[in-house]
């Protein structure tokens, strides 16, 4: 167990059994459980486990937290007179939980089943009218996070790879992001190291529970990076591609990350050297791409549904507002990056 003063973190095997007592500690008596449709069975299992403390289930969470889904969940809260929420699943469900907290200020407990890391951040990304925007508020950090390694054993391999790549992205951008410190650099490097080794070990032995524990630990480390250091180009692009073009969140991160690293490499050589050393590769951008591809991750935005005729509009959206990044952002630079990512151009090992 780890208590940061704002978030109480429980980690282990079988820790899902602690949900009821943690809700009681928070004062939750009528809890709404949130999930995606694919995790509804697990949400119902938790509902049965906590008994009278459960008010009901809303299994309608989707990626990118569209406002209309949040409004339906709020209606369900009112219908059940819920006084607290439990998010069961990955970043989509945690995002919905944060959206409810932002509007209703209820207690929030999270049971992560992926490596999203958003469960330990004050950041909420919401999609309104086809555009995804983020807000940060300390009140959005969940009070309790319960990591149970056994909840990740049914995570499909394809999602495992892309979700872990998403976590790596948090750590990589923390190495050159605004507000970084020597402490955050150490955390980011450890996250990259643990996530890389965990992926390699799990790729060799899909039943390796220790490797799954490493991935969860790495995701938590990367999430703390996301919480404390400003993100740059990579996250801006992925929010644009997800919120405005409907691309899947984690696979988009897995494709874009190496190209964003390549774009920033010359302007952030120390960060790239740290990432390469942590991952055990010669060059960070090509090393990250090679690892993701070796493990069966997606190779291009095109295979995720992005088209070449989307590139100019996406570049416009990604450059319409300034944001911190080690290399100057230009429309031409982003167009070139997106062209390479769309077709999946291999990054040379020298980069």
Protein backbone atom coordinates (compact mmCIF):
# COMPACT_ATOMS: atom_id res chain seq x y z
CA UNK A 1 0.00 0.00 0.00
CA UNK A 2 1.20 3.52 -0.85
CA UNK A 3 -0.42 6.77 0.24
CA UNK A 4 0.75 9.95 -1.51
CA UNK A 5 -1.43 12.23 0.57
CA UNK A 6 -3.93 12.64 -2.25
CA UNK A 7 -4.20 9.11 -3.65
CA UNK A 8 -4.17 5.86 -1.73
CA UNK A 9 -2.62 3.11 -3.88
CA UNK A 10 -3.00 -0.61 -3.21
CA UNK A 11 -0.94 -3.03 -5.29
CA UNK A 12 -0.80 -6.81 -5.44
CA UNK A 13 -2.75 -9.95 -6.28
CA UNK A 14 -6.32 -10.33 -5.05
CA UNK A 15 -6.47 -6.68 -4.00
CA UNK A 16 -9.79 -6.34 -5.83
CA UNK A 17 -11.30 -7.83 -2.68
CA UNK A 18 -10.48 -4.56 -0.90
CA UNK A 19 -12.95 -2.47 -2.91
CA UNK A 20 -15.72 -2.66 -0.32
CA UNK A 21 -13.60 -1.64 2.66
CA UNK A 22 -11.99 1.19 0.71
CA UNK A 23 -15.40 2.52 -0.32
CA UNK A 24 -16.49 2.39 3.31
CA UNK A 25 -13.39 4.37 4.29
CA UNK A 26 -14.39 6.99 1.69
CA UNK A 27 -17.94 7.10 2.99
CA UNK A 28 -19.48 5.64 -0.16
CA UNK A 29 -22.89 4.04 0.47
CA UNK A 30 -24.46 4.12 -3.01
CA UNK A 31 -21.76 3.52 -5.58
CA UNK A 32 -22.17 3.67 -9.34
CA UNK A 33 -19.78 1.32 -11.11
CA UNK A 34 -18.50 2.48 -14.50
CA UNK A 35 -17.13 0.34 -17.31
CA UNK A 36 -16.97 -0.04 -21.05
CA UNK A 37 -19.37 -2.56 -22.61
CA UNK A 38 -16.47 -5.02 -22.85
CA UNK A 39 -15.80 -4.85 -19.11
CA UNK A 40 -19.43 -4.97 -18.00
CA UNK A 41 -19.10 -8.53 -16.66
CA UNK A 42 -16.24 -7.47 -14.39
CA UNK A 43 -18.23 -4.44 -13.22
CA UNK A 44 -21.17 -6.71 -12.39
CA UNK A 45 -18.81 -9.00 -10.49
CA UNK A 46 -17.60 -6.07 -8.39
CA UNK A 47 -21.21 -4.99 -7.89
CA UNK A 48 -22.05 -8.39 -6.44
CA UNK A 49 -18.91 -8.35 -4.32
CA UNK A 50 -19.69 -5.05 -2.58
CA UNK A 51 -23.35 -5.89 -2.07
CA UNK A 52 -25.56 -3.16 -0.63
CA UNK A 53 -22.93 -0.49 -1.27
CA UNK A 54 -23.54 -0.82 -5.02
CA UNK A 55 -26.27 1.36 -6.49
CA UNK A 56 -25.85 0.08 -10.06
CA UNK A 57 -23.71 -0.14 -13.18
CA UNK A 58 -23.21 2.18 -16.14
CA UNK A 59 -21.38 0.18 -18.83
CA UNK A 60 -21.34 2.87 -21.51
CA UNK A 61 -17.84 4.35 -21.25
CA UNK A 62 -16.11 4.89 -24.60
CA UNK A 63 -12.80 6.30 -25.79
CA UNK A 64 -12.02 10.03 -25.72
CA UNK A 65 -14.80 10.78 -23.15
CA UNK A 66 -17.43 12.40 -25.39
CA UNK A 67 -19.67 14.84 -23.55
CA UNK A 68 -22.87 13.05 -24.56
CA UNK A 69 -21.73 9.87 -22.78
CA UNK A 70 -20.87 11.85 -19.67
CA UNK A 71 -24.35 13.34 -19.69
CA UNK A 72 -25.92 9.88 -19.87
CA UNK A 73 -23.78 8.73 -16.95
CA UNK A 74 -24.82 11.77 -14.91
CA UNK A 75 -28.47 10.94 -15.59
CA UNK A 76 -27.79 7.41 -14.34
CA UNK A 77 -26.17 8.84 -11.19
CA UNK A 78 -29.23 10.96 -10.50
CA UNK A 79 -31.57 8.05 -11.17
CA UNK A 80 -29.73 5.88 -8.63
CA UNK A 81 -28.95 8.69 -6.18
CA UNK A 82 -25.28 7.60 -6.29
CA UNK A 83 -22.83 9.22 -3.89
CA UNK A 84 -19.57 7.70 -5.20
CA UNK A 85 -18.15 6.00 -8.29
CA UNK A 86 -15.84 3.09 -9.09
CA UNK A 87 -14.16 3.07 -12.51
CA UNK A 88 -13.45 -0.50 -13.64
CA UNK A 89 -11.23 -0.72 -16.72
CA UNK A 90 -8.74 1.38 -18.68
CA UNK A 91 -8.30 5.01 -19.55
CA UNK A 92 -11.73 5.38 -21.17
CA UNK A 93 -13.53 4.42 -17.98
CA UNK A 94 -11.20 6.41 -15.75
CA UNK A 95 -11.78 9.42 -18.00
CA UNK A 96 -15.54 9.08 -17.62
CA UNK A 97 -15.11 8.84 -13.86
CA UNK A 98 -13.08 12.05 -13.84
CA UNK A 99 -15.70 13.78 -15.98
CA UNK A 100 -18.31 12.88 -13.36
CA UNK A 101 -16.06 14.03 -10.53
CA UNK A 102 -15.51 17.36 -12.29
CA UNK A 103 -19.26 17.96 -12.46
CA UNK A 104 -20.55 16.21 -9.32
CA UNK A 105 -17.53 16.17 -6.93
CA UNK A 106 -18.11 12.62 -5.73
CA UNK A 107 -15.54 10.15 -4.35
CA UNK A 108 -13.73 8.12 -6.99
CA UNK A 109 -12.04 4.72 -6.73
CA UNK A 110 -10.30 3.21 -9.77
CA UNK A 111 -9.59 -0.44 -10.63
CA UNK A 112 -7.22 -0.28 -13.62
CA UNK A 113 -7.17 -3.19 -16.07
CA UNK A 114 -4.73 -1.61 -18.57
CA UNK A 115 -1.57 0.49 -18.39
CA UNK A 116 -3.17 3.87 -19.11
CA UNK A 117 -1.78 5.62 -16.01
CA UNK A 118 -4.52 8.26 -16.02
CA UNK A 119 -5.74 6.96 -12.67
CA UNK A 120 -2.99 8.90 -10.89
CA UNK A 121 -3.21 12.18 -12.81
CA UNK A 122 -5.27 15.38 -12.41
CA UNK A 123 -5.81 15.49 -16.19
CA UNK A 124 -9.11 14.97 -18.02
CA UNK A 125 -9.39 14.82 -21.80
CA UNK A 126 -12.93 15.33 -23.13
CA UNK A 127 -14.35 15.46 -26.64
CA UNK A 128 -16.93 18.15 -27.38
CA UNK A 129 -18.24 18.81 -30.89
CA UNK A 130 -15.54 16.66 -32.45
CA UNK A 131 -12.58 18.28 -30.72
CA UNK A 132 -10.71 16.84 -27.75
CA UNK A 133 -9.50 19.27 -25.10
CA UNK A 134 -7.85 18.71 -21.74
CA UNK A 135 -8.24 20.30 -18.36
CA UNK A 136 -6.24 19.84 -15.19
CA UNK A 137 -7.66 20.06 -11.69
CA UNK A 138 -6.18 18.55 -8.49
CA UNK A 139 -9.71 17.47 -7.52
CA UNK A 140 -9.72 15.06 -10.48
CA UNK A 141 -7.10 12.78 -8.94
CA UNK A 142 -8.95 9.66 -7.68
CA UNK A 143 -8.85 9.10 -3.93
CA UNK A 144 -8.06 5.39 -4.24
CA UNK A 145 -6.42 3.25 -6.92
CA UNK A 146 -6.42 -0.53 -6.52
CA UNK A 147 -3.98 -2.32 -8.80
CA UNK A 148 -4.70 -6.05 -8.98
CA UNK A 149 -2.28 -7.82 -11.31
CA UNK A 150 -4.78 -10.61 -11.86
CA UNK A 151 -7.17 -8.17 -13.57
CA UNK A 152 -4.67 -7.84 -16.43
CA UNK A 153 -4.38 -11.57 -17.20
CA UNK A 154 -7.26 -11.47 -19.67
CA UNK A 155 -6.01 -8.35 -21.46
CA UNK A 156 -5.51 -9.33 -25.12
CA UNK A 157 -1.95 -9.17 -26.37
CA UNK A 158 -2.67 -6.46 -28.94
CA UNK A 159 -4.09 -4.20 -26.23
CA UNK A 160 -1.25 -5.09 -23.87
CA UNK A 161 1.33 -3.87 -26.38
CA UNK A 162 -0.40 -0.64 -27.32
CA UNK A 163 -1.43 0.23 -23.76
CA UNK A 164 2.15 -0.26 -22.56
CA UNK A 165 3.39 1.87 -25.48
CA UNK A 166 0.98 4.58 -24.34
CA UNK A 167 2.61 4.41 -20.90
CA UNK A 168 6.08 4.65 -22.48
CA UNK A 169 4.90 7.81 -24.25
CA UNK A 170 4.10 9.46 -20.91
CA UNK A 171 7.62 8.75 -19.67
CA UNK A 172 9.39 9.76 -22.88
CA UNK A 173 7.67 13.14 -23.08
CA UNK A 174 8.37 13.71 -19.39
CA UNK A 175 12.09 13.62 -20.23
CA UNK A 176 11.79 16.85 -22.24
CA UNK A 177 8.49 18.28 -20.99
CA UNK A 178 7.85 21.54 -19.20
CA UNK A 179 8.32 21.36 -15.45
CA UNK A 180 10.66 18.36 -15.51
CA UNK A 181 13.06 17.87 -12.59
CA UNK A 182 15.95 15.50 -11.83
CA UNK A 183 13.46 13.42 -9.83
CA UNK A 184 10.96 13.22 -12.67
CA UNK A 185 13.79 12.26 -15.05
CA UNK A 186 14.72 9.34 -12.80
CA UNK A 187 11.09 8.24 -12.56
CA UNK A 188 10.66 8.45 -16.33
CA UNK A 189 13.82 6.44 -16.99
CA UNK A 190 12.75 3.74 -14.54
CA UNK A 191 9.30 3.61 -16.13
CA UNK A 192 10.76 3.13 -19.62
CA UNK A 193 13.13 0.44 -18.35
CA UNK A 194 10.45 -1.51 -16.48
CA UNK A 195 7.90 -1.24 -19.29
CA UNK A 196 10.40 -2.34 -21.92
CA UNK A 197 11.63 -5.34 -19.95
CA UNK A 198 8.09 -6.29 -18.93
CA UNK A 199 6.92 -6.28 -22.54
CA UNK A 200 9.86 -8.39 -23.70
CA UNK A 201 9.35 -10.93 -20.90
CA UNK A 202 5.61 -11.14 -21.45
CA UNK A 203 6.18 -11.53 -25.18
CA UNK A 204 8.23 -14.65 -24.42
CA UNK A 205 5.84 -15.97 -21.77
CA UNK A 206 2.28 -14.64 -21.90
CA UNK A 207 1.49 -16.22 -18.55
CA UNK A 208 4.34 -14.49 -16.70
CA UNK A 209 2.56 -12.81 -13.79
CA UNK A 210 5.77 -11.09 -12.64
CA UNK A 211 6.10 -9.42 -16.04
CA UNK A 212 2.50 -8.23 -15.74
CA UNK A 213 3.28 -6.82 -12.31
CA UNK A 214 6.25 -4.96 -13.81
CA UNK A 215 4.01 -3.47 -16.50
CA UNK A 216 1.52 -2.25 -13.90
CA UNK A 217 4.33 -0.77 -11.85
CA UNK A 218 5.76 0.90 -14.93
CA UNK A 219 2.34 2.27 -15.82
CA UNK A 220 2.03 3.78 -12.35
CA UNK A 221 5.48 5.37 -12.66
CA UNK A 222 4.63 6.73 -16.11
CA UNK A 223 1.32 8.02 -14.81
CA UNK A 224 3.10 10.01 -12.11
CA UNK A 225 5.23 11.53 -14.89
CA UNK A 226 2.08 12.50 -16.77
CA UNK A 227 0.70 14.03 -13.59
CA UNK A 228 3.71 16.22 -12.85
CA UNK A 229 5.36 17.14 -16.17
CA UNK A 230 3.81 18.95 -19.11
CA UNK A 231 3.45 16.87 -22.26
CA UNK A 232 4.39 18.02 -25.76
CA UNK A 233 3.88 17.27 -29.43
CA UNK A 234 3.18 13.57 -29.13
CA UNK A 235 0.22 13.94 -26.79
CA UNK A 236 -1.17 16.90 -28.72
CA UNK A 237 -1.12 14.90 -31.94
CA UNK A 238 -2.72 11.84 -30.37
CA UNK A 239 -5.50 13.94 -28.82
CA UNK A 240 -6.13 15.51 -32.22
CA UNK A 241 -6.19 12.17 -34.04
CA UNK A 242 -8.42 10.57 -31.42
CA UNK A 243 -10.86 13.37 -30.70
CA UNK A 244 -11.30 14.71 -34.24
CA UNK A 245 -10.75 11.60 -36.37
CA UNK A 246 -11.96 8.84 -34.05
CA UNK A 247 -8.71 6.87 -33.99
CA UNK A 248 -8.27 4.36 -31.14
CA UNK A 249 -6.34 5.88 -28.26
CA UNK A 250 -3.59 3.43 -27.33
CA UNK A 251 -2.86 2.14 -30.88
CA UNK A 252 -2.51 5.75 -32.05
CA UNK A 253 0.05 6.39 -29.32
CA UNK A 254 1.94 3.26 -30.35
CA UNK A 255 2.20 4.42 -33.97
CA UNK A 256 2.88 8.12 -33.40
CA UNK A 257 5.39 7.92 -30.54
CA UNK A 258 8.49 6.95 -32.56
CA UNK A 259 7.79 9.66 -35.15
CA UNK A 260 7.28 12.30 -32.47
CA UNK A 261 10.55 11.19 -30.87
CA UNK A 262 12.28 11.39 -34.26
CA UNK A 263 10.86 14.90 -34.76
CA UNK A 264 12.22 16.08 -31.39
CA UNK A 265 15.46 14.09 -31.29
CA UNK A 266 17.85 16.82 -32.44
CA UNK A 267 16.31 19.35 -30.05
CA UNK A 268 16.30 16.97 -27.05
CA UNK A 269 19.46 14.83 -27.34
CA UNK A 270 19.82 14.26 -23.59
CA UNK A 271 16.25 12.99 -23.33
CA UNK A 272 16.75 10.64 -26.26
CA UNK A 273 19.99 9.30 -24.79
CA UNK A 274 18.27 8.64 -21.46
CA UNK A 275 15.36 6.87 -23.17
CA UNK A 276 17.69 4.75 -25.29
CA UNK A 277 19.74 3.68 -22.28
CA UNK A 278 16.61 2.84 -20.28
CA UNK A 279 15.21 0.76 -23.12
CA UNK A 280 18.54 -0.88 -23.92
CA UNK A 281 18.72 0.28 -27.53
CA UNK A 282 21.21 2.33 -29.52
CA UNK A 283 18.81 5.07 -30.68
CA UNK A 284 15.51 5.83 -28.96
CA UNK A 285 13.14 6.60 -31.89
CA UNK A 286 14.11 3.59 -34.01
CA UNK A 287 14.44 1.38 -30.92
CA UNK A 288 10.93 2.16 -29.69
CA UNK A 289 9.48 1.57 -33.15
CA UNK A 290 11.37 -1.69 -33.58
CA UNK A 291 10.19 -3.01 -30.21
CA UNK A 292 6.54 -2.15 -30.87
CA UNK A 293 6.67 -3.77 -34.30
CA UNK A 294 8.54 -6.84 -33.05
CA UNK A 295 5.78 -7.41 -30.50
CA UNK A 296 3.05 -7.14 -33.15
CA UNK A 297 1.95 -3.55 -32.55
CA UNK A 298 0.41 -1.41 -35.31
CA UNK A 299 2.76 0.01 -37.93
CA UNK A 300 0.81 2.87 -39.48
CA UNK A 301 -2.03 5.29 -38.93
CA UNK A 302 -3.56 4.03 -42.17
CA UNK A 303 -4.27 0.65 -40.61
CA UNK A 304 -6.09 2.47 -37.79
CA UNK A 305 -8.39 4.23 -40.26
CA UNK A 306 -6.55 7.50 -40.88
CA UNK A 307 -6.39 8.64 -44.52
CA UNK A 308 -3.88 10.76 -46.39
CA UNK A 309 -6.59 13.30 -47.20
CA UNK A 310 -6.96 13.86 -43.43
CA UNK A 311 -3.35 15.00 -43.01
CA UNK A 312 -3.68 18.71 -43.80
CA UNK A 313 -6.72 19.18 -41.56
CA UNK A 314 -5.05 17.26 -38.73
CA UNK A 315 -1.92 19.43 -39.07
CA UNK A 316 -4.06 22.56 -38.89
CA UNK A 317 -5.76 21.34 -35.71
CA UNK A 318 -2.47 20.32 -34.12
CA UNK A 319 -0.85 23.71 -34.73
CA UNK A 320 -3.69 26.13 -34.11
CA UNK A 321 -2.70 26.72 -30.47
CA UNK A 322 0.85 26.99 -29.07
CA UNK A 323 2.12 24.41 -26.58
CA UNK A 324 5.55 23.60 -25.09
CA UNK A 325 7.80 21.33 -27.14
CA UNK A 326 11.59 21.16 -27.47
CA UNK A 327 11.51 21.72 -31.25
CA UNK A 328 9.51 24.51 -32.83
CA UNK A 329 6.19 23.31 -34.19
CA UNK A 330 5.44 24.20 -37.80
CA UNK A 331 2.60 23.12 -40.04
CA UNK A 332 5.09 21.80 -42.59
CA UNK A 333 6.88 19.75 -39.97
CA UNK A 334 3.66 18.20 -38.70
CA UNK A 335 2.48 17.44 -42.23
CA UNK A 336 5.73 15.57 -42.87
CA UNK A 337 5.46 13.68 -39.58
CA UNK A 338 1.87 12.66 -40.29
CA UNK A 339 2.71 11.58 -43.83
CA UNK A 340 5.39 9.24 -42.50
CA UNK A 341 3.17 7.93 -39.72
CA UNK A 342 0.22 7.40 -42.03
CA UNK A 343 2.12 5.03 -44.32
CA UNK A 344 4.34 3.61 -41.58
CA UNK A 345 7.75 4.66 -42.94
CA UNK A 346 10.45 2.75 -40.99
CA UNK A 347 12.67 4.98 -38.85
CA UNK A 348 16.32 4.40 -39.63
CA UNK A 349 18.40 2.74 -36.91
CA UNK A 350 20.75 5.71 -36.99
CA UNK A 351 17.99 7.86 -35.50
